[in-house]
Amino acid sequence: MTVRAQYPVFGRRTPDFDVRSKWFTALFDELRKRIPTSVLRLLYVPASPATHAFYRLQMRFLEDPSAVTHIITNMHSFLLRRIHRSPTVISCYDVGLRWTVQRLPLADRVIVSARQIKDELEGIVRLPHEPEVVHLAVPATYTPSDLPRKQNVILYVGTEQRRKNIDGLFRILARVNRETDATLVKVGSPSADRGRLEALARDLRIQDRIIWRDFVPEEELLQLYRTSTVVVVPSFLEGFSMPCLEAMSTGCPLVASNLTAIPEIVGDGGWLLDPSDEAAWANAILRILGDPDVARDLSRRGIARSHDFSAVTSATRILGIYEEVSRERGGG
């Protein structure tokens, strides 16, 4: 059975898929090797409840009824319609914003990034089919290297959302710097909280120990993972956490939160700690900074764990879902 897939994206054209959809890009690259794919370019207007109907109208006219539509994030669940022309699949990464899951029963299938998300989702909405757990994957370029790791460089990659616990990270950094000189490289776009975070850094007297990188190209980000001493992910809520997998895949020692989906992804590939226990976090980071044997062991464990995540395997599962919904809708 031959299926085709189409993916709605917003805004300007990109040479490949969509630079804002990094979490799905590795899977998309694998899928398009196997089946015909296309991108539905939606005319962008600011998304709000007032414009959701306009987006659904666009989908009505742009969708190819004979291809499977895959909405790649539940943040775009407002694209789902009660009567859709195409077999429709949607990916769900977290349920932190309840409005993003209310329309999920309108999809033919829901793909979740972790078992924890599946369990939580099933307690919130009633779906016509059991959610399918399909883990994400990193690009094939995310591998270890022989580059030497810099001394006492802590890497954080992510947004400034409150759930990411940047405040706690800064307090942890302050604790670390009472014992040794360490630098935090913080990669992530500025938010409305940026001014408050800068003020917190000054209050903690760590403003000179933070390198703010609002954006780095993918190639440079890969080098940061390969040369930093440790990656930290102190979040209170994650539906997968790509930085955890990116760190493990490149062999960078990882300290991560023990909450929500993170333990499922990290397994024994890193140290898992309560993000509220800032003293424990500081001690863990200091051990990695000060003991090369500890760092090497964490690196080895992370690399081994990363092998459990494969774009080939996950794309095969997604393709099976496409084929299933296509048969049910009489396609193919």
Foldseek 3Di string as FASTA:
>chain_A
DAAEEEEEDEDDDDPAADPVPQQCRLLVVLLVVPHHYYYLYDYDDDDDPVCLVVLLVSQQPRDDLQHEYEYEELVNLSNQDQDHSHQYEYEYQACPPVVSLPNVQSHPAYEAQFVLRQVVSVVRDPHPDRHHHFHTAHHPVLAADPDEADAQEEEEEDEPDVQQVVLLVLVLQLVLVVPPQHAYEYEAADDPCVVVSCVSNVVSVCNVRYHYHHDDDPVVVSVCLRHHLEYERLGQDTSHDPVLLSNLRHLHAYEYEPHGRDCVQCVLLHHYDHSVPSVVVSVVSNCSSPPVVVSNVSSVSSNVSSVVHDSNVSSVVVVVVRVVSSVVVVHD
